[in-house]
Amino acid sequence: MLNDILHIFTGGWLCFSLIPTAELWIMVLFIGGISGLREHIQSLRIHPQEVYHKYTDTLGWIIGSVIYYFLRKYNYVDADKNY
């Protein structure tokens, strides 16, 4: 459970730090690509994990990017402000 929460947080944090003002579809494709690449590298390194974690980890990152988008859309996060 903690692992899934951290994947959701990571997806939102990456959107905030790398592409803070992008549209939702760009965020989903970008974060999905990065997390898919990460899972592919883990499988090449023969990282022991259950098969379904390849998909749930990527899904967590994408959910984090969607949450970030809605937080930004409804003014809970200011994407133009330098923190």
Protein backbone atom coordinates (compact mmCIF):
# COMPACT_ATOMS: atom_id res chain seq x y z
CA MET A 1 0.00 0.00 0.00
CA LEU A 2 2.79 2.42 0.88
CA ASN A 3 4.51 1.55 -2.39
CA ASP A 4 1.39 2.50 -4.37
CA ILE A 5 1.02 5.80 -2.49
CA LEU A 6 4.64 6.63 -3.23
CA HIS A 7 4.11 5.93 -6.94
CA ILE A 8 1.12 8.29 -6.98
CA PHE A 9 3.15 10.97 -5.19
CA THR A 10 6.07 10.48 -7.60
CA GLY A 11 3.84 10.93 -10.65
CA GLY A 12 2.47 14.21 -9.32
CA TRP A 13 5.89 15.43 -8.22
CA LEU A 14 7.43 14.70 -11.62
CA CYS A 15 4.67 16.62 -13.36
CA PHE A 16 5.14 19.54 -10.98
CA SER A 17 8.91 19.61 -11.37
CA LEU A 18 9.33 18.81 -15.08
CA ILE A 19 6.20 19.89 -16.98
CA PRO A 20 4.10 22.02 -14.63
CA THR A 21 1.95 23.82 -17.21
CA ALA A 22 1.36 21.01 -19.73
CA GLU A 23 -2.04 19.71 -20.76
CA LEU A 24 -3.40 16.51 -19.24
CA TRP A 25 -2.76 14.28 -22.27
CA ILE A 26 0.88 15.42 -22.44
CA MET A 27 1.34 14.69 -18.74
CA VAL A 28 -0.21 11.23 -19.03
CA LEU A 29 1.89 10.27 -22.05
CA PHE A 30 5.10 11.69 -20.58
CA ILE A 31 4.71 10.14 -17.14
CA GLY A 32 3.43 6.88 -18.62
CA GLY A 33 6.48 6.74 -20.88
CA ILE A 34 8.92 7.43 -18.06
CA SER A 35 7.32 4.88 -15.74
CA GLY A 36 7.07 2.30 -18.53
CA LEU A 37 10.77 2.79 -19.27
CA ARG A 38 11.54 2.37 -15.57
CA GLU A 39 9.60 -0.89 -15.43
CA HIS A 40 11.34 -2.13 -18.59
CA ILE A 41 14.76 -1.40 -17.09
CA GLN A 42 13.76 -3.24 -13.93
CA SER A 43 12.75 -6.29 -15.97
CA LEU A 44 16.07 -6.18 -17.88
CA ARG A 45 17.92 -6.10 -14.55
CA ILE A 46 15.85 -9.14 -13.49
CA HIS A 47 14.30 -7.23 -10.61
CA PRO A 48 12.14 -9.71 -8.70
CA GLN A 49 8.52 -8.56 -8.63
CA GLU A 50 5.06 -9.85 -9.35
CA VAL A 51 3.95 -9.58 -12.98
CA TYR A 52 1.02 -7.27 -12.22
CA HIS A 53 3.32 -4.72 -10.53
CA LYS A 54 4.57 -3.71 -13.97
CA TYR A 55 1.12 -2.31 -14.63
CA THR A 56 0.06 -1.11 -11.19
CA ASP A 57 3.27 0.88 -10.69
CA THR A 58 2.78 2.67 -14.01
CA LEU A 59 -0.88 3.21 -13.21
CA GLY A 60 0.09 4.84 -9.91
CA TRP A 61 2.38 7.29 -11.67
CA ILE A 62 -0.37 8.17 -14.16
CA ILE A 63 -2.94 8.64 -11.38
CA GLY A 64 -0.49 11.01 -9.70
CA SER A 65 -0.22 13.08 -12.86
CA VAL A 66 -4.01 13.24 -13.19
CA ILE A 67 -4.36 14.32 -9.54
CA TYR A 68 -1.73 17.01 -10.09
CA TYR A 69 -3.61 18.25 -13.17
CA PHE A 70 -6.85 18.67 -11.23
CA LEU A 71 -5.07 20.32 -8.29
CA ARG A 72 -3.58 22.78 -10.75
CA LYS A 73 -6.86 23.28 -12.62
CA TYR A 74 -8.81 24.17 -9.48
CA ASN A 75 -6.06 26.49 -8.16
CA TYR A 76 -4.75 24.35 -5.30
CA VAL A 77 -1.30 24.40 -6.89
CA ASP A 78 0.15 27.40 -8.71
CA ALA A 79 2.25 26.06 -11.58
CA ASP A 80 3.77 29.44 -12.41
CA LYS A 81 5.03 30.19 -8.90
CA ASN A 82 8.64 29.38 -8.03
CA TYR A 83 8.72 27.61 -4.70
